[in-house]
Amino acid sequence: MVRLKFLRKPAAFLGLTPVVIDSLNIFYPIKLRGLIYMLLLKKCGWGFTIDKYVNIQGKKNLSIGEHCVINSFVHVWAGKSGVTIGDRVLIASHVAITSLTHNYASETMRFDKSIDQPIRIEDDVWIGSHAVIFPGVTIGKGAVIGAGSVVKSDIPAYAIAVGVPAKVIKYRF
């Protein structure tokens, strides 16, 4: 791992801590993966961090904002309608975000056309481990989705939602 030691003294003069300096280091593997995804995704903001073993289907329909973190074993299916993730979003490991599903009311659901609806995750959202986000959902700014929650309907801004299906239990502010 390459450290940016030569920047420490000038950065200290500007009031930057060593942690901030190291976070700007593009040679860290997770930062380097983020730079590669900037070329592959529809939109990918600066400071994006993506861990190993993330599975993204429909890369050209996925937009990710600045300073987002996606941890290991996350699956994103963007479909044709796409997934939009805002700035500073934290996505824990083993989360599934899918804009595609089957029509369960159909007798031949396996062979029918898939339901494809956009997903919008606004700024400053935190999605806990093992959560599932279904098609057509909007998660409002600053919301928190609890670990293991299944989000099938919209979540308002600054809400804390938990459970199966996810329900708002309180608000952050």
N, C-alpha and C. Protein backbone atom coordinates (compact mmCIF):
# COMPACT_ATOMS: atom_id res chain seq x y z
N MET A 1 0.84 -1.17 0.00
CA MET A 1 0.00 0.00 0.00
C MET A 1 0.89 1.24 0.00
N VAL A 2 0.59 2.18 -0.85
CA VAL A 2 1.39 3.39 -0.97
C VAL A 2 0.82 4.45 -0.04
N ARG A 3 1.64 4.99 0.82
CA ARG A 3 1.21 6.06 1.73
C ARG A 3 1.71 7.40 1.21
N LEU A 4 0.96 8.42 1.46
CA LEU A 4 1.32 9.76 0.98
C LEU A 4 2.03 10.54 2.07
N LYS A 5 3.15 10.00 2.58
CA LYS A 5 3.86 10.63 3.70
C LYS A 5 4.42 11.99 3.33
N PHE A 6 4.81 12.15 2.07
CA PHE A 6 5.42 13.41 1.65
C PHE A 6 4.42 14.57 1.72
N LEU A 7 3.13 14.28 1.78
CA LEU A 7 2.12 15.35 1.87
C LEU A 7 1.76 15.72 3.30
N ARG A 8 2.26 14.98 4.27
CA ARG A 8 1.81 15.19 5.65
C ARG A 8 2.15 16.58 6.20
N LYS A 9 3.38 17.03 6.00
CA LYS A 9 3.75 18.34 6.55
C LYS A 9 3.02 19.49 5.86
N PRO A 10 2.98 19.54 4.51
CA PRO A 10 2.21 20.62 3.89
C PRO A 10 0.73 20.56 4.23
N ALA A 11 0.19 19.34 4.35
CA ALA A 11 -1.23 19.19 4.67
C ALA A 11 -1.51 19.61 6.11
N ALA A 12 -0.59 19.34 7.02
CA ALA A 12 -0.76 19.76 8.41
C ALA A 12 -0.82 21.28 8.49
N PHE A 13 -0.06 21.95 7.64
CA PHE A 13 -0.09 23.40 7.58
C PHE A 13 -1.50 23.89 7.19
N LEU A 14 -2.19 23.13 6.35
CA LEU A 14 -3.55 23.48 5.92
C LEU A 14 -4.62 22.99 6.90
N GLY A 15 -4.20 22.26 7.94
CA GLY A 15 -5.14 21.77 8.93
C GLY A 15 -5.73 20.42 8.62
N LEU A 16 -5.14 19.69 7.66
CA LEU A 16 -5.64 18.36 7.30
C LEU A 16 -4.94 17.31 8.16
N THR A 17 -5.71 16.33 8.62
CA THR A 17 -5.16 15.25 9.44
C THR A 17 -4.62 14.14 8.55
N PRO A 18 -3.75 13.26 9.09
CA PRO A 18 -3.26 12.13 8.30
C PRO A 18 -4.37 11.23 7.76
N VAL A 19 -5.46 11.09 8.51
CA VAL A 19 -6.58 10.26 8.05
C VAL A 19 -7.19 10.85 6.78
N VAL A 20 -7.35 12.18 6.74
CA VAL A 20 -7.90 12.84 5.56
C VAL A 20 -6.95 12.68 4.38
N ILE A 21 -5.68 12.81 4.61
CA ILE A 21 -4.69 12.67 3.54
C ILE A 21 -4.74 11.26 2.96
N ASP A 22 -4.77 10.25 3.83
CA ASP A 22 -4.82 8.87 3.35
C ASP A 22 -6.14 8.57 2.62
N SER A 23 -7.22 9.23 3.00
CA SER A 23 -8.50 8.99 2.31
C SER A 23 -8.47 9.51 0.88
N LEU A 24 -7.57 10.44 0.60
CA LEU A 24 -7.44 10.97 -0.76
C LEU A 24 -6.53 10.12 -1.64
N ASN A 25 -5.89 9.11 -1.06
CA ASN A 25 -4.93 8.29 -1.77
C ASN A 25 -5.64 7.36 -2.75
N ILE A 26 -5.48 7.58 -4.05
CA ILE A 26 -6.16 6.77 -5.05
C ILE A 26 -5.52 5.40 -5.24
N PHE A 27 -4.38 5.15 -4.59
CA PHE A 27 -3.71 3.87 -4.77
C PHE A 27 -4.24 2.79 -3.82
N TYR A 28 -5.11 3.14 -2.87
CA TYR A 28 -5.77 2.12 -2.07
C TYR A 28 -6.65 1.31 -3.02
N PRO A 29 -6.69 -0.01 -2.87
CA PRO A 29 -7.48 -0.84 -3.80
C PRO A 29 -8.95 -0.43 -3.90
N ILE A 30 -9.58 -0.08 -2.76
CA ILE A 30 -10.99 0.27 -2.83
C ILE A 30 -11.19 1.60 -3.56
N LYS A 31 -10.25 2.52 -3.46
CA LYS A 31 -10.35 3.78 -4.19
C LYS A 31 -10.09 3.54 -5.68
N LEU A 32 -9.15 2.66 -5.99
CA LEU A 32 -8.83 2.36 -7.38
C LEU A 32 -10.03 1.72 -8.08
N ARG A 33 -10.74 0.82 -7.39
CA ARG A 33 -11.95 0.24 -7.95
C ARG A 33 -12.98 1.32 -8.25
N GLY A 34 -13.09 2.30 -7.35
CA GLY A 34 -14.02 3.41 -7.58
C GLY A 34 -13.68 4.19 -8.83
N LEU A 35 -12.39 4.39 -9.09
CA LEU A 35 -11.97 5.09 -10.31
C LEU A 35 -12.32 4.28 -11.56
N ILE A 36 -12.18 2.97 -11.49
CA ILE A 36 -12.53 2.12 -12.63
C ILE A 36 -14.04 2.19 -12.89
N TYR A 37 -14.84 2.18 -11.82
CA TYR A 37 -16.28 2.26 -12.01
C TYR A 37 -16.72 3.59 -12.59
N MET A 38 -15.92 4.63 -12.44
CA MET A 38 -16.25 5.92 -13.06
C MET A 38 -16.37 5.78 -14.58
N LEU A 39 -15.63 4.85 -15.14
CA LEU A 39 -15.67 4.61 -16.58
C LEU A 39 -16.84 3.70 -16.98
N LEU A 40 -17.29 2.86 -16.09
CA LEU A 40 -18.28 1.84 -16.43
C LEU A 40 -19.73 2.26 -16.16
N LEU A 41 -19.95 3.12 -15.17
CA LEU A 41 -21.32 3.47 -14.78
C LEU A 41 -21.85 4.67 -15.55
N LYS A 42 -23.17 4.83 -15.51
CA LYS A 42 -23.80 5.98 -16.15
C LYS A 42 -23.26 7.27 -15.55
N LYS A 43 -23.20 7.31 -14.22
CA LYS A 43 -22.62 8.46 -13.50
C LYS A 43 -22.00 7.92 -12.23
N CYS A 44 -20.82 8.41 -11.91
CA CYS A 44 -20.14 7.98 -10.69
C CYS A 44 -19.38 9.18 -10.13
N GLY A 45 -19.76 9.62 -8.94
CA GLY A 45 -19.16 10.79 -8.34
C GLY A 45 -17.77 10.54 -7.77
N TRP A 46 -17.08 11.61 -7.48
CA TRP A 46 -15.74 11.56 -6.92
C TRP A 46 -15.79 11.05 -5.48
N GLY A 47 -14.76 10.32 -5.06
CA GLY A 47 -14.67 9.84 -3.69
C GLY A 47 -15.49 8.59 -3.45
N PHE A 48 -15.97 7.96 -4.50
CA PHE A 48 -16.77 6.74 -4.41
C PHE A 48 -15.87 5.58 -4.00
N THR A 49 -16.31 4.80 -3.01
CA THR A 49 -15.55 3.65 -2.53
C THR A 49 -16.38 2.39 -2.71
N ILE A 50 -15.80 1.39 -3.37
CA ILE A 50 -16.51 0.13 -3.57
C ILE A 50 -15.60 -1.01 -3.15
N ASP A 51 -16.13 -1.92 -2.35
CA ASP A 51 -15.34 -3.04 -1.85
C ASP A 51 -15.37 -4.20 -2.83
N LYS A 52 -14.66 -5.27 -2.49
CA LYS A 52 -14.62 -6.46 -3.34
C LYS A 52 -15.96 -7.18 -3.35
N TYR A 53 -16.15 -8.00 -4.36
CA TYR A 53 -17.27 -8.92 -4.49
C TYR A 53 -18.62 -8.21 -4.62
N VAL A 54 -18.65 -7.04 -5.20
CA VAL A 54 -19.90 -6.33 -5.48
C VAL A 54 -20.35 -6.73 -6.89
N ASN A 55 -21.63 -7.08 -7.03
CA ASN A 55 -22.18 -7.51 -8.31
C ASN A 55 -23.14 -6.45 -8.82
N ILE A 56 -22.82 -5.85 -9.96
CA ILE A 56 -23.67 -4.82 -10.55
C ILE A 56 -24.09 -5.28 -11.94
N GLN A 57 -25.40 -5.40 -12.14
CA GLN A 57 -25.97 -5.73 -13.45
C GLN A 57 -26.63 -4.47 -14.00
N GLY A 58 -26.38 -4.16 -15.25
CA GLY A 58 -26.93 -2.93 -15.85
C GLY A 58 -26.13 -1.70 -15.47
N LYS A 59 -24.82 -1.80 -15.55
CA LYS A 59 -23.93 -0.71 -15.13
C LYS A 59 -24.26 0.63 -15.79
N LYS A 60 -24.69 0.59 -17.06
CA LYS A 60 -24.98 1.83 -17.79
C LYS A 60 -26.26 2.51 -17.31
N ASN A 61 -27.01 1.87 -16.42
CA ASN A 61 -28.23 2.46 -15.87
C ASN A 61 -28.12 2.75 -14.38
N LEU A 62 -26.89 2.75 -13.87
CA LEU A 62 -26.64 3.01 -12.45
C LEU A 62 -25.91 4.33 -12.29
N SER A 63 -26.49 5.23 -11.48
CA SER A 63 -25.86 6.52 -11.17
C SER A 63 -25.55 6.56 -9.68
N ILE A 64 -24.31 6.90 -9.36
CA ILE A 64 -23.88 6.96 -7.96
C ILE A 64 -23.27 8.32 -7.70
N GLY A 65 -23.65 8.96 -6.59
CA GLY A 65 -23.16 10.28 -6.24
C GLY A 65 -21.76 10.26 -5.63
N GLU A 66 -21.37 11.39 -5.08
CA GLU A 66 -20.03 11.55 -4.52
C GLU A 66 -19.95 11.00 -3.09
N HIS A 67 -18.76 10.50 -2.76
CA HIS A 67 -18.41 10.03 -1.41
C HIS A 67 -19.33 8.93 -0.90
N CYS A 68 -19.79 8.06 -1.79
CA CYS A 68 -20.61 6.90 -1.41
C CYS A 68 -19.72 5.72 -1.07
N VAL A 69 -20.24 4.82 -0.26
CA VAL A 69 -19.52 3.60 0.10
C VAL A 69 -20.44 2.42 -0.16
N ILE A 70 -19.93 1.44 -0.92
CA ILE A 70 -20.65 0.19 -1.14
C ILE A 70 -19.75 -0.93 -0.65
N ASN A 71 -20.20 -1.67 0.37
CA ASN A 71 -19.41 -2.73 0.97
C ASN A 71 -19.56 -4.06 0.22
N SER A 72 -18.84 -5.06 0.68
CA SER A 72 -18.77 -6.37 0.01
C SER A 72 -20.13 -7.05 -0.11
N PHE A 73 -20.26 -7.86 -1.15
CA PHE A 73 -21.39 -8.75 -1.39
C PHE A 73 -22.71 -8.01 -1.62
N VAL A 74 -22.64 -6.78 -2.10
CA VAL A 74 -23.85 -6.04 -2.47
C VAL A 74 -24.20 -6.42 -3.90
N HIS A 75 -25.49 -6.60 -4.17
CA HIS A 75 -25.98 -6.90 -5.52
C HIS A 75 -26.90 -5.77 -5.96
N VAL A 76 -26.61 -5.20 -7.12
CA VAL A 76 -27.43 -4.13 -7.68
C VAL A 76 -27.86 -4.56 -9.08
N TRP A 77 -29.19 -4.61 -9.31
CA TRP A 77 -29.73 -4.90 -10.64
C TRP A 77 -30.42 -3.62 -11.10
N ALA A 78 -29.77 -2.89 -12.00
CA ALA A 78 -30.29 -1.59 -12.42
C ALA A 78 -31.38 -1.69 -13.47
N GLY A 79 -31.45 -2.77 -14.23
CA GLY A 79 -32.49 -2.91 -15.25
C GLY A 79 -32.44 -1.78 -16.26
N LYS A 80 -33.54 -1.60 -17.00
CA LYS A 80 -33.60 -0.52 -18.00
C LYS A 80 -34.00 0.80 -17.37
N SER A 81 -34.82 0.77 -16.32
CA SER A 81 -35.29 2.01 -15.71
C SER A 81 -34.26 2.60 -14.76
N GLY A 82 -33.34 1.81 -14.25
CA GLY A 82 -32.19 2.31 -13.53
C GLY A 82 -32.33 2.46 -12.03
N VAL A 83 -31.16 2.67 -11.43
CA VAL A 83 -31.03 2.93 -9.99
C VAL A 83 -30.21 4.20 -9.84
N THR A 84 -30.70 5.14 -9.02
CA THR A 84 -30.00 6.38 -8.76
C THR A 84 -29.68 6.45 -7.27
N ILE A 85 -28.40 6.60 -6.96
CA ILE A 85 -27.93 6.69 -5.58
C ILE A 85 -27.32 8.07 -5.39
N GLY A 86 -27.77 8.79 -4.37
CA GLY A 86 -27.31 10.16 -4.13
C GLY A 86 -25.92 10.24 -3.52
N ASP A 87 -25.59 11.40 -2.99
CA ASP A 87 -24.28 11.65 -2.38
C ASP A 87 -24.22 11.13 -0.94
N ARG A 88 -23.02 10.69 -0.53
CA ARG A 88 -22.71 10.27 0.84
C ARG A 88 -23.62 9.13 1.34
N VAL A 89 -23.99 8.23 0.47
CA VAL A 89 -24.83 7.09 0.83
C VAL A 89 -23.93 5.95 1.31
N LEU A 90 -24.33 5.31 2.39
CA LEU A 90 -23.61 4.17 2.95
C LEU A 90 -24.44 2.92 2.73
N ILE A 91 -23.87 1.93 2.04
CA ILE A 91 -24.57 0.68 1.80
C ILE A 91 -23.74 -0.44 2.42
N ALA A 92 -24.30 -1.08 3.43
CA ALA A 92 -23.60 -2.14 4.15
C ALA A 92 -23.54 -3.41 3.31
N SER A 93 -22.84 -4.41 3.81
CA SER A 93 -22.65 -5.66 3.07
C SER A 93 -23.96 -6.44 2.91
N HIS A 94 -24.00 -7.25 1.88
CA HIS A 94 -25.09 -8.18 1.59
C HIS A 94 -26.43 -7.50 1.31
N VAL A 95 -26.43 -6.28 0.83
CA VAL A 95 -27.66 -5.58 0.47
C VAL A 95 -28.02 -5.94 -0.97
N ALA A 96 -29.32 -6.09 -1.25
CA ALA A 96 -29.81 -6.34 -2.61
C ALA A 96 -30.69 -5.17 -3.03
N ILE A 97 -30.33 -4.54 -4.14
CA ILE A 97 -31.10 -3.42 -4.69
C ILE A 97 -31.49 -3.84 -6.10
N THR A 98 -32.79 -4.03 -6.34
CA THR A 98 -33.22 -4.51 -7.64
C THR A 98 -34.37 -3.69 -8.21
N SER A 99 -34.19 -3.23 -9.44
CA SER A 99 -35.26 -2.51 -10.11
C SER A 99 -36.09 -3.45 -10.99
N LEU A 100 -35.80 -4.74 -10.91
CA LEU A 100 -36.51 -5.76 -11.71
C LEU A 100 -37.20 -6.78 -10.81
N THR A 101 -38.38 -7.23 -11.22
CA THR A 101 -39.06 -8.31 -10.53
C THR A 101 -40.02 -8.99 -11.51
N HIS A 102 -40.62 -10.08 -11.08
CA HIS A 102 -41.60 -10.79 -11.91
C HIS A 102 -43.00 -10.44 -11.44
N ASN A 103 -43.97 -10.57 -12.32
CA ASN A 103 -45.37 -10.34 -12.00
C ASN A 103 -45.94 -11.62 -11.38
N TYR A 104 -46.07 -11.64 -10.08
CA TYR A 104 -46.53 -12.85 -9.39
C TYR A 104 -47.99 -13.18 -9.68
N ALA A 105 -48.77 -12.22 -10.18
CA ALA A 105 -50.19 -12.45 -10.48
C ALA A 105 -50.39 -13.17 -11.81
N SER A 106 -49.35 -13.31 -12.58
CA SER A 106 -49.45 -13.96 -13.88
C SER A 106 -49.31 -15.48 -13.74
N GLU A 107 -50.06 -16.22 -14.55
CA GLU A 107 -49.96 -17.67 -14.52
C GLU A 107 -48.62 -18.15 -15.08
N THR A 108 -48.08 -17.40 -16.02
CA THR A 108 -46.80 -17.79 -16.65
C THR A 108 -45.72 -16.78 -16.31
N MET A 109 -45.57 -16.50 -15.03
CA MET A 109 -44.65 -15.42 -14.62
C MET A 109 -43.22 -15.62 -15.10
N ARG A 110 -42.79 -16.84 -15.24
CA ARG A 110 -41.42 -17.11 -15.68
C ARG A 110 -41.19 -16.59 -17.10
N PHE A 111 -42.22 -16.63 -17.93
CA PHE A 111 -42.05 -16.26 -19.33
C PHE A 111 -42.61 -14.89 -19.67
N ASP A 112 -43.26 -14.25 -18.73
CA ASP A 112 -43.79 -12.90 -18.97
C ASP A 112 -42.68 -11.87 -18.87
N LYS A 113 -42.96 -10.69 -19.38
CA LYS A 113 -42.01 -9.59 -19.30
C LYS A 113 -41.82 -9.18 -17.83
N SER A 114 -40.59 -8.88 -17.46
CA SER A 114 -40.29 -8.46 -16.08
C SER A 114 -40.85 -7.07 -15.80
N ILE A 115 -41.16 -6.83 -14.54
CA ILE A 115 -41.55 -5.50 -14.09
C ILE A 115 -40.27 -4.73 -13.83
N ASP A 116 -40.14 -3.56 -14.43
CA ASP A 116 -38.92 -2.76 -14.35
C ASP A 116 -39.30 -1.35 -13.93
N GLN A 117 -38.98 -0.98 -12.68
CA GLN A 117 -39.30 0.35 -12.16
C GLN A 117 -38.05 0.95 -11.52
N PRO A 118 -37.87 2.27 -11.65
CA PRO A 118 -36.66 2.89 -11.12
C PRO A 118 -36.62 2.92 -9.59
N ILE A 119 -35.41 2.92 -9.07
CA ILE A 119 -35.17 3.07 -7.64
C ILE A 119 -34.39 4.35 -7.44
N ARG A 120 -34.79 5.14 -6.44
CA ARG A 120 -34.08 6.38 -6.14
C ARG A 120 -33.71 6.38 -4.66
N ILE A 121 -32.41 6.48 -4.38
CA ILE A 121 -31.91 6.58 -3.01
C ILE A 121 -31.28 7.95 -2.89
N GLU A 122 -31.88 8.81 -2.09
CA GLU A 122 -31.43 10.20 -2.01
C GLU A 122 -30.19 10.34 -1.13
N ASP A 123 -29.71 11.57 -0.97
CA ASP A 123 -28.46 11.86 -0.25
C ASP A 123 -28.50 11.43 1.22
N ASP A 124 -27.33 11.07 1.74
CA ASP A 124 -27.09 10.81 3.17
C ASP A 124 -27.92 9.66 3.74
N VAL A 125 -28.22 8.67 2.94
CA VAL A 125 -28.98 7.49 3.38
C VAL A 125 -28.00 6.43 3.87
N TRP A 126 -28.40 5.68 4.88
CA TRP A 126 -27.62 4.56 5.37
C TRP A 126 -28.51 3.32 5.26
N ILE A 127 -28.03 2.32 4.52
CA ILE A 127 -28.77 1.07 4.35
C ILE A 127 -28.00 -0.02 5.08
N GLY A 128 -28.65 -0.64 6.07
CA GLY A 128 -28.02 -1.66 6.90
C GLY A 128 -27.84 -2.98 6.17
N SER A 129 -27.02 -3.81 6.74
CA SER A 129 -26.66 -5.11 6.18
C SER A 129 -27.89 -6.00 5.92
N HIS A 130 -27.86 -6.72 4.83
CA HIS A 130 -28.89 -7.68 4.43
C HIS A 130 -30.25 -7.06 4.11
N ALA A 131 -30.30 -5.76 3.87
CA ALA A 131 -31.57 -5.13 3.47
C ALA A 131 -31.84 -5.44 2.00
N VAL A 132 -33.13 -5.41 1.63
CA VAL A 132 -33.54 -5.62 0.25
C VAL A 132 -34.39 -4.43 -0.16
N ILE A 133 -34.05 -3.82 -1.31
CA ILE A 133 -34.78 -2.67 -1.83
C ILE A 133 -35.48 -3.11 -3.11
N PHE A 134 -36.80 -2.99 -3.16
CA PHE A 134 -37.61 -3.46 -4.29
C PHE A 134 -37.80 -2.37 -5.35
N PRO A 135 -38.28 -2.75 -6.55
CA PRO A 135 -38.49 -1.80 -7.64
C PRO A 135 -39.50 -0.71 -7.28
N GLY A 136 -39.27 0.48 -7.84
CA GLY A 136 -40.20 1.59 -7.68
C GLY A 136 -40.10 2.33 -6.37
N VAL A 137 -39.11 2.05 -5.55
CA VAL A 137 -38.98 2.65 -4.22
C VAL A 137 -38.14 3.91 -4.27
N THR A 138 -38.53 4.91 -3.49
CA THR A 138 -37.72 6.10 -3.25
C THR A 138 -37.43 6.16 -1.76
N ILE A 139 -36.15 6.26 -1.42
CA ILE A 139 -35.74 6.40 -0.02
C ILE A 139 -35.31 7.84 0.16
N GLY A 140 -35.99 8.57 1.04
CA GLY A 140 -35.78 10.00 1.22
C GLY A 140 -34.44 10.34 1.85
N LYS A 141 -34.08 11.60 1.72
CA LYS A 141 -32.81 12.12 2.21
C LYS A 141 -32.63 11.84 3.70
N GLY A 142 -31.44 11.35 4.06
CA GLY A 142 -31.10 11.14 5.46
C GLY A 142 -31.77 9.97 6.14
N ALA A 143 -32.47 9.14 5.40
CA ALA A 143 -33.17 8.00 6.00
C ALA A 143 -32.19 6.91 6.40
N VAL A 144 -32.60 6.07 7.34
CA VAL A 144 -31.83 4.92 7.78
C VAL A 144 -32.70 3.69 7.59
N ILE A 145 -32.16 2.70 6.89
CA ILE A 145 -32.87 1.43 6.68
C ILE A 145 -32.17 0.40 7.56
N GLY A 146 -32.91 -0.20 8.48
CA GLY A 146 -32.34 -1.16 9.42
C GLY A 146 -31.87 -2.43 8.75
N ALA A 147 -30.95 -3.12 9.40
CA ALA A 147 -30.41 -4.38 8.90
C ALA A 147 -31.53 -5.40 8.72
N GLY A 148 -31.51 -6.10 7.60
CA GLY A 148 -32.48 -7.14 7.32
C GLY A 148 -33.86 -6.65 6.89
N SER A 149 -34.02 -5.35 6.69
CA SER A 149 -35.33 -4.80 6.30
C SER A 149 -35.62 -5.07 4.84
N VAL A 150 -36.90 -5.18 4.51
CA VAL A 150 -37.35 -5.35 3.13
C VAL A 150 -38.18 -4.12 2.77
N VAL A 151 -37.64 -3.28 1.90
CA VAL A 151 -38.27 -2.00 1.56
C VAL A 151 -39.09 -2.19 0.29
N LYS A 152 -40.44 -2.14 0.44
CA LYS A 152 -41.34 -2.32 -0.69
C LYS A 152 -42.10 -1.06 -1.04
N SER A 153 -42.03 -0.03 -0.17
CA SER A 153 -42.71 1.23 -0.43
C SER A 153 -41.79 2.39 -0.06
N ASP A 154 -42.16 3.59 -0.48
CA ASP A 154 -41.32 4.77 -0.26
C ASP A 154 -41.09 5.03 1.23
N ILE A 155 -39.90 5.51 1.52
CA ILE A 155 -39.51 5.88 2.89
C ILE A 155 -39.28 7.39 2.91
N PRO A 156 -39.92 8.13 3.81
CA PRO A 156 -39.75 9.59 3.83
C PRO A 156 -38.37 10.02 4.33
N ALA A 157 -38.05 11.27 4.11
CA ALA A 157 -36.77 11.85 4.52
C ALA A 157 -36.59 11.74 6.04
N TYR A 158 -35.37 11.42 6.44
CA TYR A 158 -34.93 11.35 7.84
C TYR A 158 -35.68 10.31 8.68
N ALA A 159 -36.33 9.36 8.03
CA ALA A 159 -37.05 8.30 8.75
C ALA A 159 -36.09 7.15 9.06
N ILE A 160 -36.39 6.44 10.12
CA ILE A 160 -35.70 5.19 10.44
C ILE A 160 -36.72 4.09 10.22
N ALA A 161 -36.43 3.21 9.24
CA ALA A 161 -37.37 2.17 8.86
C ALA A 161 -36.74 0.80 9.12
N VAL A 162 -37.52 -0.10 9.72
CA VAL A 162 -37.04 -1.45 10.01
C VAL A 162 -38.16 -2.46 9.76
N GLY A 163 -37.78 -3.72 9.60
CA GLY A 163 -38.75 -4.80 9.54
C GLY A 163 -39.01 -5.34 8.17
N VAL A 164 -39.92 -6.35 8.16
CA VAL A 164 -40.33 -7.01 6.93
C VAL A 164 -41.85 -6.97 6.88
N PRO A 165 -42.46 -6.17 6.06
CA PRO A 165 -41.87 -5.11 5.25
C PRO A 165 -41.45 -3.93 6.12
N ALA A 166 -40.56 -3.12 5.61
CA ALA A 166 -40.01 -1.99 6.38
C ALA A 166 -41.10 -0.99 6.72
N LYS A 167 -41.11 -0.59 7.99
CA LYS A 167 -42.05 0.43 8.47
C LYS A 167 -41.27 1.48 9.24
N VAL A 168 -41.72 2.72 9.15
CA VAL A 168 -41.07 3.82 9.85
C VAL A 168 -41.36 3.68 11.34
N ILE A 169 -40.29 3.62 12.17
CA ILE A 169 -40.50 3.53 13.62
C ILE A 169 -40.29 4.87 14.32
N LYS A 170 -39.46 5.73 13.71
CA LYS A 170 -39.25 7.07 14.24
C LYS A 170 -38.46 7.88 13.22
N TYR A 171 -38.21 9.14 13.56
CA TYR A 171 -37.45 10.02 12.69
C TYR A 171 -36.16 10.43 13.38
N ARG A 172 -35.12 10.66 12.60
CA ARG A 172 -33.81 11.01 13.15
C ARG A 172 -33.83 12.36 13.86
N PHE A 173 -34.59 13.30 13.34
CA PHE A 173 -34.62 14.66 13.92
C PHE A 173 -36.03 15.06 14.24
